[in-house]
Amino acid sequence: IYAMGWFRQAPGKEREFVTGISRL
């Protein structure tokens, strides 16, 4: 039921949206 994604954060940087995938 969840869309899923990956984020990343390096020291001194904002969180970045890397990728996402739909439910199926």
PDBML (XML) file of the C-alpha atoms, coordinates in Angstrom:
<?xml version="1.0" encoding="UTF-8" ?>
<PDBx:datablock datablockName="MODEL"
   xmlns:PDBx="http://pdbml.pdb.org/schema/pdbx-v50.xsd"
   xmlns:xsi="http://www.w3.org/2001/XMLSchema-instance"
   xsi:schemaLocation="http://pdbml.pdb.org/schema/pdbx-v50.xsd pdbx-v50.xsd">
   <PDBx:atom_siteCategory>
      <PDBx:atom_site id="1">
         <PDBx:B_iso_or_equiv>0.00</PDBx:B_iso_or_equiv>
         <PDBx:Cartn_x>0.000</PDBx:Cartn_x>
         <PDBx:Cartn_y>0.000</PDBx:Cartn_y>
         <PDBx:Cartn_z>0.000</PDBx:Cartn_z>
         <PDBx:auth_asym_id>A</PDBx:auth_asym_id>
         <PDBx:auth_atom_id>CA</PDBx:auth_atom_id>
         <PDBx:auth_comp_id>ILE</PDBx:auth_comp_id>
         <PDBx:auth_seq_id>1</PDBx:auth_seq_id>
         <PDBx:group_PDB>ATOM</PDBx:group_PDB>
         <PDBx:label_alt_id xsi:nil="true" />
         <PDBx:label_asym_id>A</PDBx:label_asym_id>
         <PDBx:label_atom_id>CA</PDBx:label_atom_id>
         <PDBx:label_comp_id>ILE</PDBx:label_comp_id>
         <PDBx:label_entity_id>1</PDBx:label_entity_id>
         <PDBx:label_seq_id>1</PDBx:label_seq_id>
         <PDBx:occupancy>1.00</PDBx:occupancy>
         <PDBx:pdbx_PDB_model_num>1</PDBx:pdbx_PDB_model_num>
         <PDBx:type_symbol>C</PDBx:type_symbol>
      </PDBx:atom_site>
      <PDBx:atom_site id="2">
         <PDBx:B_iso_or_equiv>0.00</PDBx:B_iso_or_equiv>
         <PDBx:Cartn_x>3.026</PDBx:Cartn_x>
         <PDBx:Cartn_y>2.275</PDBx:Cartn_y>
         <PDBx:Cartn_z>0.327</PDBx:Cartn_z>
         <PDBx:auth_asym_id>A</PDBx:auth_asym_id>
         <PDBx:auth_atom_id>CA</PDBx:auth_atom_id>
         <PDBx:auth_comp_id>TYR</PDBx:auth_comp_id>
         <PDBx:auth_seq_id>2</PDBx:auth_seq_id>
         <PDBx:group_PDB>ATOM</PDBx:group_PDB>
         <PDBx:label_alt_id xsi:nil="true" />
         <PDBx:label_asym_id>A</PDBx:label_asym_id>
         <PDBx:label_atom_id>CA</PDBx:label_atom_id>
         <PDBx:label_comp_id>TYR</PDBx:label_comp_id>
         <PDBx:label_entity_id>1</PDBx:label_entity_id>
         <PDBx:label_seq_id>2</PDBx:label_seq_id>
         <PDBx:occupancy>1.00</PDBx:occupancy>
         <PDBx:pdbx_PDB_model_num>1</PDBx:pdbx_PDB_model_num>
         <PDBx:type_symbol>C</PDBx:type_symbol>
      </PDBx:atom_site>
      <PDBx:atom_site id="3">
         <PDBx:B_iso_or_equiv>0.00</PDBx:B_iso_or_equiv>
         <PDBx:Cartn_x>4.952</PDBx:Cartn_x>
         <PDBx:Cartn_y>4.093</PDBx:Cartn_y>
         <PDBx:Cartn_z>-2.280</PDBx:Cartn_z>
         <PDBx:auth_asym_id>A</PDBx:auth_asym_id>
         <PDBx:auth_atom_id>CA</PDBx:auth_atom_id>
         <PDBx:auth_comp_id>ALA</PDBx:auth_comp_id>
         <PDBx:auth_seq_id>3</PDBx:auth_seq_id>
         <PDBx:group_PDB>ATOM</PDBx:group_PDB>
         <PDBx:label_alt_id xsi:nil="true" />
         <PDBx:label_asym_id>A</PDBx:label_asym_id>
         <PDBx:label_atom_id>CA</PDBx:label_atom_id>
         <PDBx:label_comp_id>ALA</PDBx:label_comp_id>
         <PDBx:label_entity_id>1</PDBx:label_entity_id>
         <PDBx:label_seq_id>3</PDBx:label_seq_id>
         <PDBx:occupancy>1.00</PDBx:occupancy>
         <PDBx:pdbx_PDB_model_num>1</PDBx:pdbx_PDB_model_num>
         <PDBx:type_symbol>C</PDBx:type_symbol>
      </PDBx:atom_site>
      <PDBx:atom_site id="4">
         <PDBx:B_iso_or_equiv>0.00</PDBx:B_iso_or_equiv>
         <PDBx:Cartn_x>8.609</PDBx:Cartn_x>
         <PDBx:Cartn_y>3.805</PDBx:Cartn_y>
         <PDBx:Cartn_z>-1.350</PDBx:Cartn_z>
         <PDBx:auth_asym_id>A</PDBx:auth_asym_id>
         <PDBx:auth_atom_id>CA</PDBx:auth_atom_id>
         <PDBx:auth_comp_id>MET</PDBx:auth_comp_id>
         <PDBx:auth_seq_id>4</PDBx:auth_seq_id>
         <PDBx:group_PDB>ATOM</PDBx:group_PDB>
         <PDBx:label_alt_id xsi:nil="true" />
         <PDBx:label_asym_id>A</PDBx:label_asym_id>
         <PDBx:label_atom_id>CA</PDBx:label_atom_id>
         <PDBx:label_comp_id>MET</PDBx:label_comp_id>
         <PDBx:label_entity_id>1</PDBx:label_entity_id>
         <PDBx:label_seq_id>4</PDBx:label_seq_id>
         <PDBx:occupancy>1.00</PDBx:occupancy>
         <PDBx:pdbx_PDB_model_num>1</PDBx:pdbx_PDB_model_num>
         <PDBx:type_symbol>C</PDBx:type_symbol>
      </PDBx:atom_site>
      <PDBx:atom_site id="5">
         <PDBx:B_iso_or_equiv>0.00</PDBx:B_iso_or_equiv>
         <PDBx:Cartn_x>11.620</PDBx:Cartn_x>
         <PDBx:Cartn_y>5.991</PDBx:Cartn_y>
         <PDBx:Cartn_z>-1.791</PDBx:Cartn_z>
         <PDBx:auth_asym_id>A</PDBx:auth_asym_id>
         <PDBx:auth_atom_id>CA</PDBx:auth_atom_id>
         <PDBx:auth_comp_id>GLY</PDBx:auth_comp_id>
         <PDBx:auth_seq_id>5</PDBx:auth_seq_id>
         <PDBx:group_PDB>ATOM</PDBx:group_PDB>
         <PDBx:label_alt_id xsi:nil="true" />
         <PDBx:label_asym_id>A</PDBx:label_asym_id>
         <PDBx:label_atom_id>CA</PDBx:label_atom_id>
         <PDBx:label_comp_id>GLY</PDBx:label_comp_id>
         <PDBx:label_entity_id>1</PDBx:label_entity_id>
         <PDBx:label_seq_id>5</PDBx:label_seq_id>
         <PDBx:occupancy>1.00</PDBx:occupancy>
         <PDBx:pdbx_PDB_model_num>1</PDBx:pdbx_PDB_model_num>
         <PDBx:type_symbol>C</PDBx:type_symbol>
      </PDBx:atom_site>
      <PDBx:atom_site id="6">
         <PDBx:B_iso_or_equiv>0.00</PDBx:B_iso_or_equiv>
         <PDBx:Cartn_x>15.215</PDBx:Cartn_x>
         <PDBx:Cartn_y>6.641</PDBx:Cartn_y>
         <PDBx:Cartn_z>-0.924</PDBx:Cartn_z>
         <PDBx:auth_asym_id>A</PDBx:auth_asym_id>
         <PDBx:auth_atom_id>CA</PDBx:auth_atom_id>
         <PDBx:auth_comp_id>TRP</PDBx:auth_comp_id>
         <PDBx:auth_seq_id>6</PDBx:auth_seq_id>
         <PDBx:group_PDB>ATOM</PDBx:group_PDB>
         <PDBx:label_alt_id xsi:nil="true" />
         <PDBx:label_asym_id>A</PDBx:label_asym_id>
         <PDBx:label_atom_id>CA</PDBx:label_atom_id>
         <PDBx:label_comp_id>TRP</PDBx:label_comp_id>
         <PDBx:label_entity_id>1</PDBx:label_entity_id>
         <PDBx:label_seq_id>6</PDBx:label_seq_id>
         <PDBx:occupancy>1.00</PDBx:occupancy>
         <PDBx:pdbx_PDB_model_num>1</PDBx:pdbx_PDB_model_num>
         <PDBx:type_symbol>C</PDBx:type_symbol>
      </PDBx:atom_site>
      <PDBx:atom_site id="7">
         <PDBx:B_iso_or_equiv>0.00</PDBx:B_iso_or_equiv>
         <PDBx:Cartn_x>16.685</PDBx:Cartn_x>
         <PDBx:Cartn_y>9.846</PDBx:Cartn_y>
         <PDBx:Cartn_z>0.429</PDBx:Cartn_z>
         <PDBx:auth_asym_id>A</PDBx:auth_asym_id>
         <PDBx:auth_atom_id>CA</PDBx:auth_atom_id>
         <PDBx:auth_comp_id>PHE</PDBx:auth_comp_id>
         <PDBx:auth_seq_id>7</PDBx:auth_seq_id>
         <PDBx:group_PDB>ATOM</PDBx:group_PDB>
         <PDBx:label_alt_id xsi:nil="true" />
         <PDBx:label_asym_id>A</PDBx:label_asym_id>
         <PDBx:label_atom_id>CA</PDBx:label_atom_id>
         <PDBx:label_comp_id>PHE</PDBx:label_comp_id>
         <PDBx:label_entity_id>1</PDBx:label_entity_id>
         <PDBx:label_seq_id>7</PDBx:label_seq_id>
         <PDBx:occupancy>1.00</PDBx:occupancy>
         <PDBx:pdbx_PDB_model_num>1</PDBx:pdbx_PDB_model_num>
         <PDBx:type_symbol>C</PDBx:type_symbol>
      </PDBx:atom_site>
      <PDBx:atom_site id="8">
         <PDBx:B_iso_or_equiv>0.00</PDBx:B_iso_or_equiv>
         <PDBx:Cartn_x>20.203</PDBx:Cartn_x>
         <PDBx:Cartn_y>10.768</PDBx:Cartn_y>
         <PDBx:Cartn_z>1.375</PDBx:Cartn_z>
         <PDBx:auth_asym_id>A</PDBx:auth_asym_id>
         <PDBx:auth_atom_id>CA</PDBx:auth_atom_id>
         <PDBx:auth_comp_id>ARG</PDBx:auth_comp_id>
         <PDBx:auth_seq_id>8</PDBx:auth_seq_id>
         <PDBx:group_PDB>ATOM</PDBx:group_PDB>
         <PDBx:label_alt_id xsi:nil="true" />
         <PDBx:label_asym_id>A</PDBx:label_asym_id>
         <PDBx:label_atom_id>CA</PDBx:label_atom_id>
         <PDBx:label_comp_id>ARG</PDBx:label_comp_id>
         <PDBx:label_entity_id>1</PDBx:label_entity_id>
         <PDBx:label_seq_id>8</PDBx:label_seq_id>
         <PDBx:occupancy>1.00</PDBx:occupancy>
         <PDBx:pdbx_PDB_model_num>1</PDBx:pdbx_PDB_model_num>
         <PDBx:type_symbol>C</PDBx:type_symbol>
      </PDBx:atom_site>
      <PDBx:atom_site id="9">
         <PDBx:B_iso_or_equiv>0.00</PDBx:B_iso_or_equiv>
         <PDBx:Cartn_x>21.893</PDBx:Cartn_x>
         <PDBx:Cartn_y>13.345</PDBx:Cartn_y>
         <PDBx:Cartn_z>3.531</PDBx:Cartn_z>
         <PDBx:auth_asym_id>A</PDBx:auth_asym_id>
         <PDBx:auth_atom_id>CA</PDBx:auth_atom_id>
         <PDBx:auth_comp_id>GLN</PDBx:auth_comp_id>
         <PDBx:auth_seq_id>9</PDBx:auth_seq_id>
         <PDBx:group_PDB>ATOM</PDBx:group_PDB>
         <PDBx:label_alt_id xsi:nil="true" />
         <PDBx:label_asym_id>A</PDBx:label_asym_id>
         <PDBx:label_atom_id>CA</PDBx:label_atom_id>
         <PDBx:label_comp_id>GLN</PDBx:label_comp_id>
         <PDBx:label_entity_id>1</PDBx:label_entity_id>
         <PDBx:label_seq_id>9</PDBx:label_seq_id>
         <PDBx:occupancy>1.00</PDBx:occupancy>
         <PDBx:pdbx_PDB_model_num>1</PDBx:pdbx_PDB_model_num>
         <PDBx:type_symbol>C</PDBx:type_symbol>
      </PDBx:atom_site>
      <PDBx:atom_site id="10">
         <PDBx:B_iso_or_equiv>0.00</PDBx:B_iso_or_equiv>
         <PDBx:Cartn_x>25.540</PDBx:Cartn_x>
         <PDBx:Cartn_y>14.280</PDBx:Cartn_y>
         <PDBx:Cartn_z>3.658</PDBx:Cartn_z>
         <PDBx:auth_asym_id>A</PDBx:auth_asym_id>
         <PDBx:auth_atom_id>CA</PDBx:auth_atom_id>
         <PDBx:auth_comp_id>ALA</PDBx:auth_comp_id>
         <PDBx:auth_seq_id>10</PDBx:auth_seq_id>
         <PDBx:group_PDB>ATOM</PDBx:group_PDB>
         <PDBx:label_alt_id xsi:nil="true" />
         <PDBx:label_asym_id>A</PDBx:label_asym_id>
         <PDBx:label_atom_id>CA</PDBx:label_atom_id>
         <PDBx:label_comp_id>ALA</PDBx:label_comp_id>
         <PDBx:label_entity_id>1</PDBx:label_entity_id>
         <PDBx:label_seq_id>10</PDBx:label_seq_id>
         <PDBx:occupancy>1.00</PDBx:occupancy>
         <PDBx:pdbx_PDB_model_num>1</PDBx:pdbx_PDB_model_num>
         <PDBx:type_symbol>C</PDBx:type_symbol>
      </PDBx:atom_site>
      <PDBx:atom_site id="11">
         <PDBx:B_iso_or_equiv>0.00</PDBx:B_iso_or_equiv>
         <PDBx:Cartn_x>27.121</PDBx:Cartn_x>
         <PDBx:Cartn_y>16.371</PDBx:Cartn_y>
         <PDBx:Cartn_z>6.417</PDBx:Cartn_z>
         <PDBx:auth_asym_id>A</PDBx:auth_asym_id>
         <PDBx:auth_atom_id>CA</PDBx:auth_atom_id>
         <PDBx:auth_comp_id>PRO</PDBx:auth_comp_id>
         <PDBx:auth_seq_id>11</PDBx:auth_seq_id>
         <PDBx:group_PDB>ATOM</PDBx:group_PDB>
         <PDBx:label_alt_id xsi:nil="true" />
         <PDBx:label_asym_id>A</PDBx:label_asym_id>
         <PDBx:label_atom_id>CA</PDBx:label_atom_id>
         <PDBx:label_comp_id>PRO</PDBx:label_comp_id>
         <PDBx:label_entity_id>1</PDBx:label_entity_id>
         <PDBx:label_seq_id>11</PDBx:label_seq_id>
         <PDBx:occupancy>1.00</PDBx:occupancy>
         <PDBx:pdbx_PDB_model_num>1</PDBx:pdbx_PDB_model_num>
         <PDBx:type_symbol>C</PDBx:type_symbol>
      </PDBx:atom_site>
      <PDBx:atom_site id="12">
         <PDBx:B_iso_or_equiv>0.00</PDBx:B_iso_or_equiv>
         <PDBx:Cartn_x>26.450</PDBx:Cartn_x>
         <PDBx:Cartn_y>20.035</PDBx:Cartn_y>
         <PDBx:Cartn_z>5.852</PDBx:Cartn_z>
         <PDBx:auth_asym_id>A</PDBx:auth_asym_id>
         <PDBx:auth_atom_id>CA</PDBx:auth_atom_id>
         <PDBx:auth_comp_id>GLY</PDBx:auth_comp_id>
         <PDBx:auth_seq_id>12</PDBx:auth_seq_id>
         <PDBx:group_PDB>ATOM</PDBx:group_PDB>
         <PDBx:label_alt_id xsi:nil="true" />
         <PDBx:label_asym_id>A</PDBx:label_asym_id>
         <PDBx:label_atom_id>CA</PDBx:label_atom_id>
         <PDBx:label_comp_id>GLY</PDBx:label_comp_id>
         <PDBx:label_entity_id>1</PDBx:label_entity_id>
         <PDBx:label_seq_id>12</PDBx:label_seq_id>
         <PDBx:occupancy>1.00</PDBx:occupancy>
         <PDBx:pdbx_PDB_model_num>1</PDBx:pdbx_PDB_model_num>
         <PDBx:type_symbol>C</PDBx:type_symbol>
      </PDBx:atom_site>
      <PDBx:atom_site id="13">
         <PDBx:B_iso_or_equiv>0.00</PDBx:B_iso_or_equiv>
         <PDBx:Cartn_x>23.922</PDBx:Cartn_x>
         <PDBx:Cartn_y>19.381</PDBx:Cartn_y>
         <PDBx:Cartn_z>3.108</PDBx:Cartn_z>
         <PDBx:auth_asym_id>A</PDBx:auth_asym_id>
         <PDBx:auth_atom_id>CA</PDBx:auth_atom_id>
         <PDBx:auth_comp_id>LYS</PDBx:auth_comp_id>
         <PDBx:auth_seq_id>13</PDBx:auth_seq_id>
         <PDBx:group_PDB>ATOM</PDBx:group_PDB>
         <PDBx:label_alt_id xsi:nil="true" />
         <PDBx:label_asym_id>A</PDBx:label_asym_id>
         <PDBx:label_atom_id>CA</PDBx:label_atom_id>
         <PDBx:label_comp_id>LYS</PDBx:label_comp_id>
         <PDBx:label_entity_id>1</PDBx:label_entity_id>
         <PDBx:label_seq_id>13</PDBx:label_seq_id>
         <PDBx:occupancy>1.00</PDBx:occupancy>
         <PDBx:pdbx_PDB_model_num>1</PDBx:pdbx_PDB_model_num>
         <PDBx:type_symbol>C</PDBx:type_symbol>
      </PDBx:atom_site>
      <PDBx:atom_site id="14">
         <PDBx:B_iso_or_equiv>0.00</PDBx:B_iso_or_equiv>
         <PDBx:Cartn_x>20.175</PDBx:Cartn_x>
         <PDBx:Cartn_y>19.242</PDBx:Cartn_y>
         <PDBx:Cartn_z>2.909</PDBx:Cartn_z>
         <PDBx:auth_asym_id>A</PDBx:auth_asym_id>
         <PDBx:auth_atom_id>CA</PDBx:auth_atom_id>
         <PDBx:auth_comp_id>GLU</PDBx:auth_comp_id>
         <PDBx:auth_seq_id>14</PDBx:auth_seq_id>
         <PDBx:group_PDB>ATOM</PDBx:group_PDB>
         <PDBx:label_alt_id xsi:nil="true" />
         <PDBx:label_asym_id>A</PDBx:label_asym_id>
         <PDBx:label_atom_id>CA</PDBx:label_atom_id>
         <PDBx:label_comp_id>GLU</PDBx:label_comp_id>
         <PDBx:label_entity_id>1</PDBx:label_entity_id>
         <PDBx:label_seq_id>14</PDBx:label_seq_id>
         <PDBx:occupancy>1.00</PDBx:occupancy>
         <PDBx:pdbx_PDB_model_num>1</PDBx:pdbx_PDB_model_num>
         <PDBx:type_symbol>C</PDBx:type_symbol>
      </PDBx:atom_site>
      <PDBx:atom_site id="15">
         <PDBx:B_iso_or_equiv>0.00</PDBx:B_iso_or_equiv>
         <PDBx:Cartn_x>18.356</PDBx:Cartn_x>
         <PDBx:Cartn_y>15.969</PDBx:Cartn_y>
         <PDBx:Cartn_z>2.614</PDBx:Cartn_z>
         <PDBx:auth_asym_id>A</PDBx:auth_asym_id>
         <PDBx:auth_atom_id>CA</PDBx:auth_atom_id>
         <PDBx:auth_comp_id>ARG</PDBx:auth_comp_id>
         <PDBx:auth_seq_id>15</PDBx:auth_seq_id>
         <PDBx:group_PDB>ATOM</PDBx:group_PDB>
         <PDBx:label_alt_id xsi:nil="true" />
         <PDBx:label_asym_id>A</PDBx:label_asym_id>
         <PDBx:label_atom_id>CA</PDBx:label_atom_id>
         <PDBx:label_comp_id>ARG</PDBx:label_comp_id>
         <PDBx:label_entity_id>1</PDBx:label_entity_id>
         <PDBx:label_seq_id>15</PDBx:label_seq_id>
         <PDBx:occupancy>1.00</PDBx:occupancy>
         <PDBx:pdbx_PDB_model_num>1</PDBx:pdbx_PDB_model_num>
         <PDBx:type_symbol>C</PDBx:type_symbol>
      </PDBx:atom_site>
      <PDBx:atom_site id="16">
         <PDBx:B_iso_or_equiv>0.00</PDBx:B_iso_or_equiv>
         <PDBx:Cartn_x>18.048</PDBx:Cartn_x>
         <PDBx:Cartn_y>14.945</PDBx:Cartn_y>
         <PDBx:Cartn_z>-1.016</PDBx:Cartn_z>
         <PDBx:auth_asym_id>A</PDBx:auth_asym_id>
         <PDBx:auth_atom_id>CA</PDBx:auth_atom_id>
         <PDBx:auth_comp_id>GLU</PDBx:auth_comp_id>
         <PDBx:auth_seq_id>16</PDBx:auth_seq_id>
         <PDBx:group_PDB>ATOM</PDBx:group_PDB>
         <PDBx:label_alt_id xsi:nil="true" />
         <PDBx:label_asym_id>A</PDBx:label_asym_id>
         <PDBx:label_atom_id>CA</PDBx:label_atom_id>
         <PDBx:label_comp_id>GLU</PDBx:label_comp_id>
         <PDBx:label_entity_id>1</PDBx:label_entity_id>
         <PDBx:label_seq_id>16</PDBx:label_seq_id>
         <PDBx:occupancy>1.00</PDBx:occupancy>
         <PDBx:pdbx_PDB_model_num>1</PDBx:pdbx_PDB_model_num>
         <PDBx:type_symbol>C</PDBx:type_symbol>
      </PDBx:atom_site>
      <PDBx:atom_site id="17">
         <PDBx:B_iso_or_equiv>0.00</PDBx:B_iso_or_equiv>
         <PDBx:Cartn_x>15.254</PDBx:Cartn_x>
         <PDBx:Cartn_y>13.000</PDBx:Cartn_y>
         <PDBx:Cartn_z>-2.633</PDBx:Cartn_z>
         <PDBx:auth_asym_id>A</PDBx:auth_asym_id>
         <PDBx:auth_atom_id>CA</PDBx:auth_atom_id>
         <PDBx:auth_comp_id>PHE</PDBx:auth_comp_id>
         <PDBx:auth_seq_id>17</PDBx:auth_seq_id>
         <PDBx:group_PDB>ATOM</PDBx:group_PDB>
         <PDBx:label_alt_id xsi:nil="true" />
         <PDBx:label_asym_id>A</PDBx:label_asym_id>
         <PDBx:label_atom_id>CA</PDBx:label_atom_id>
         <PDBx:label_comp_id>PHE</PDBx:label_comp_id>
         <PDBx:label_entity_id>1</PDBx:label_entity_id>
         <PDBx:label_seq_id>17</PDBx:label_seq_id>
         <PDBx:occupancy>1.00</PDBx:occupancy>
         <PDBx:pdbx_PDB_model_num>1</PDBx:pdbx_PDB_model_num>
         <PDBx:type_symbol>C</PDBx:type_symbol>
      </PDBx:atom_site>
      <PDBx:atom_site id="18">
         <PDBx:B_iso_or_equiv>0.00</PDBx:B_iso_or_equiv>
         <PDBx:Cartn_x>17.031</PDBx:Cartn_x>
         <PDBx:Cartn_y>10.310</PDBx:Cartn_y>
         <PDBx:Cartn_z>-4.610</PDBx:Cartn_z>
         <PDBx:auth_asym_id>A</PDBx:auth_asym_id>
         <PDBx:auth_atom_id>CA</PDBx:auth_atom_id>
         <PDBx:auth_comp_id>VAL</PDBx:auth_comp_id>
         <PDBx:auth_seq_id>18</PDBx:auth_seq_id>
         <PDBx:group_PDB>ATOM</PDBx:group_PDB>
         <PDBx:label_alt_id xsi:nil="true" />
         <PDBx:label_asym_id>A</PDBx:label_asym_id>
         <PDBx:label_atom_id>CA</PDBx:label_atom_id>
         <PDBx:label_comp_id>VAL</PDBx:label_comp_id>
         <PDBx:label_entity_id>1</PDBx:label_entity_id>
         <PDBx:label_seq_id>18</PDBx:label_seq_id>
         <PDBx:occupancy>1.00</PDBx:occupancy>
         <PDBx:pdbx_PDB_model_num>1</PDBx:pdbx_PDB_model_num>
         <PDBx:type_symbol>C</PDBx:type_symbol>
      </PDBx:atom_site>
      <PDBx:atom_site id="19">
         <PDBx:B_iso_or_equiv>0.00</PDBx:B_iso_or_equiv>
         <PDBx:Cartn_x>14.354</PDBx:Cartn_x>
         <PDBx:Cartn_y>8.054</PDBx:Cartn_y>
         <PDBx:Cartn_z>-6.029</PDBx:Cartn_z>
         <PDBx:auth_asym_id>A</PDBx:auth_asym_id>
         <PDBx:auth_atom_id>CA</PDBx:auth_atom_id>
         <PDBx:auth_comp_id>THR</PDBx:auth_comp_id>
         <PDBx:auth_seq_id>19</PDBx:auth_seq_id>
         <PDBx:group_PDB>ATOM</PDBx:group_PDB>
         <PDBx:label_alt_id xsi:nil="true" />
         <PDBx:label_asym_id>A</PDBx:label_asym_id>
         <PDBx:label_atom_id>CA</PDBx:label_atom_id>
         <PDBx:label_comp_id>THR</PDBx:label_comp_id>
         <PDBx:label_entity_id>1</PDBx:label_entity_id>
         <PDBx:label_seq_id>19</PDBx:label_seq_id>
         <PDBx:occupancy>1.00</PDBx:occupancy>
         <PDBx:pdbx_PDB_model_num>1</PDBx:pdbx_PDB_model_num>
         <PDBx:type_symbol>C</PDBx:type_symbol>
      </PDBx:atom_site>
      <PDBx:atom_site id="20">
         <PDBx:B_iso_or_equiv>0.00</PDBx:B_iso_or_equiv>
         <PDBx:Cartn_x>10.819</PDBx:Cartn_x>
         <PDBx:Cartn_y>6.810</PDBx:Cartn_y>
         <PDBx:Cartn_z>-5.563</PDBx:Cartn_z>
         <PDBx:auth_asym_id>A</PDBx:auth_asym_id>
         <PDBx:auth_atom_id>CA</PDBx:auth_atom_id>
         <PDBx:auth_comp_id>GLY</PDBx:auth_comp_id>
         <PDBx:auth_seq_id>20</PDBx:auth_seq_id>
         <PDBx:group_PDB>ATOM</PDBx:group_PDB>
         <PDBx:label_alt_id xsi:nil="true" />
         <PDBx:label_asym_id>A</PDBx:label_asym_id>
         <PDBx:label_atom_id>CA</PDBx:label_atom_id>
         <PDBx:label_comp_id>GLY</PDBx:label_comp_id>
         <PDBx:label_entity_id>1</PDBx:label_entity_id>
         <PDBx:label_seq_id>20</PDBx:label_seq_id>
         <PDBx:occupancy>1.00</PDBx:occupancy>
         <PDBx:pdbx_PDB_model_num>1</PDBx:pdbx_PDB_model_num>
         <PDBx:type_symbol>C</PDBx:type_symbol>
      </PDBx:atom_site>
      <PDBx:atom_site id="21">
         <PDBx:B_iso_or_equiv>0.00</PDBx:B_iso_or_equiv>
         <PDBx:Cartn_x>8.741</PDBx:Cartn_x>
         <PDBx:Cartn_y>3.879</PDBx:Cartn_y>
         <PDBx:Cartn_z>-6.711</PDBx:Cartn_z>
         <PDBx:auth_asym_id>A</PDBx:auth_asym_id>
         <PDBx:auth_atom_id>CA</PDBx:auth_atom_id>
         <PDBx:auth_comp_id>ILE</PDBx:auth_comp_id>
         <PDBx:auth_seq_id>21</PDBx:auth_seq_id>
         <PDBx:group_PDB>ATOM</PDBx:group_PDB>
         <PDBx:label_alt_id xsi:nil="true" />
         <PDBx:label_asym_id>A</PDBx:label_asym_id>
         <PDBx:label_atom_id>CA</PDBx:label_atom_id>
         <PDBx:label_comp_id>ILE</PDBx:label_comp_id>
         <PDBx:label_entity_id>1</PDBx:label_entity_id>
         <PDBx:label_seq_id>21</PDBx:label_seq_id>
         <PDBx:occupancy>1.00</PDBx:occupancy>
         <PDBx:pdbx_PDB_model_num>1</PDBx:pdbx_PDB_model_num>
         <PDBx:type_symbol>C</PDBx:type_symbol>
      </PDBx:atom_site>
      <PDBx:atom_site id="22">
         <PDBx:B_iso_or_equiv>0.00</PDBx:B_iso_or_equiv>
         <PDBx:Cartn_x>5.001</PDBx:Cartn_x>
         <PDBx:Cartn_y>3.402</PDBx:Cartn_y>
         <PDBx:Cartn_z>-6.905</PDBx:Cartn_z>
         <PDBx:auth_asym_id>A</PDBx:auth_asym_id>
         <PDBx:auth_atom_id>CA</PDBx:auth_atom_id>
         <PDBx:auth_comp_id>SER</PDBx:auth_comp_id>
         <PDBx:auth_seq_id>22</PDBx:auth_seq_id>
         <PDBx:group_PDB>ATOM</PDBx:group_PDB>
         <PDBx:label_alt_id xsi:nil="true" />
         <PDBx:label_asym_id>A</PDBx:label_asym_id>
         <PDBx:label_atom_id>CA</PDBx:label_atom_id>
         <PDBx:label_comp_id>SER</PDBx:label_comp_id>
         <PDBx:label_entity_id>1</PDBx:label_entity_id>
         <PDBx:label_seq_id>22</PDBx:label_seq_id>
         <PDBx:occupancy>1.00</PDBx:occupancy>
         <PDBx:pdbx_PDB_model_num>1</PDBx:pdbx_PDB_model_num>
         <PDBx:type_symbol>C</PDBx:type_symbol>
      </PDBx:atom_site>
      <PDBx:atom_site id="23">
         <PDBx:B_iso_or_equiv>0.00</PDBx:B_iso_or_equiv>
         <PDBx:Cartn_x>3.073</PDBx:Cartn_x>
         <PDBx:Cartn_y>0.787</PDBx:Cartn_y>
         <PDBx:Cartn_z>-4.952</PDBx:Cartn_z>
         <PDBx:auth_asym_id>A</PDBx:auth_asym_id>
         <PDBx:auth_atom_id>CA</PDBx:auth_atom_id>
         <PDBx:auth_comp_id>ARG</PDBx:auth_comp_id>
         <PDBx:auth_seq_id>23</PDBx:auth_seq_id>
         <PDBx:group_PDB>ATOM</PDBx:group_PDB>
         <PDBx:label_alt_id xsi:nil="true" />
         <PDBx:label_asym_id>A</PDBx:label_asym_id>
         <PDBx:label_atom_id>CA</PDBx:label_atom_id>
         <PDBx:label_comp_id>ARG</PDBx:label_comp_id>
         <PDBx:label_entity_id>1</PDBx:label_entity_id>
         <PDBx:label_seq_id>23</PDBx:label_seq_id>
         <PDBx:occupancy>1.00</PDBx:occupancy>
         <PDBx:pdbx_PDB_model_num>1</PDBx:pdbx_PDB_model_num>
         <PDBx:type_symbol>C</PDBx:type_symbol>
      </PDBx:atom_site>
      <PDBx:atom_site id="24">
         <PDBx:B_iso_or_equiv>0.00</PDBx:B_iso_or_equiv>
         <PDBx:Cartn_x>3.271</PDBx:Cartn_x>
         <PDBx:Cartn_y>-1.892</PDBx:Cartn_y>
         <PDBx:Cartn_z>-7.601</PDBx:Cartn_z>
         <PDBx:auth_asym_id>A</PDBx:auth_asym_id>
         <PDBx:auth_atom_id>CA</PDBx:auth_atom_id>
         <PDBx:auth_comp_id>LEU</PDBx:auth_comp_id>
         <PDBx:auth_seq_id>24</PDBx:auth_seq_id>
         <PDBx:group_PDB>ATOM</PDBx:group_PDB>
         <PDBx:label_alt_id xsi:nil="true" />
         <PDBx:label_asym_id>A</PDBx:label_asym_id>
         <PDBx:label_atom_id>CA</PDBx:label_atom_id>
         <PDBx:label_comp_id>LEU</PDBx:label_comp_id>
         <PDBx:label_entity_id>1</PDBx:label_entity_id>
         <PDBx:label_seq_id>24</PDBx:label_seq_id>
         <PDBx:occupancy>1.00</PDBx:occupancy>
         <PDBx:pdbx_PDB_model_num>1</PDBx:pdbx_PDB_model_num>
         <PDBx:type_symbol>C</PDBx:type_symbol>
      </PDBx:atom_site>
   </PDBx:atom_siteCategory>
</PDBx:datablock>
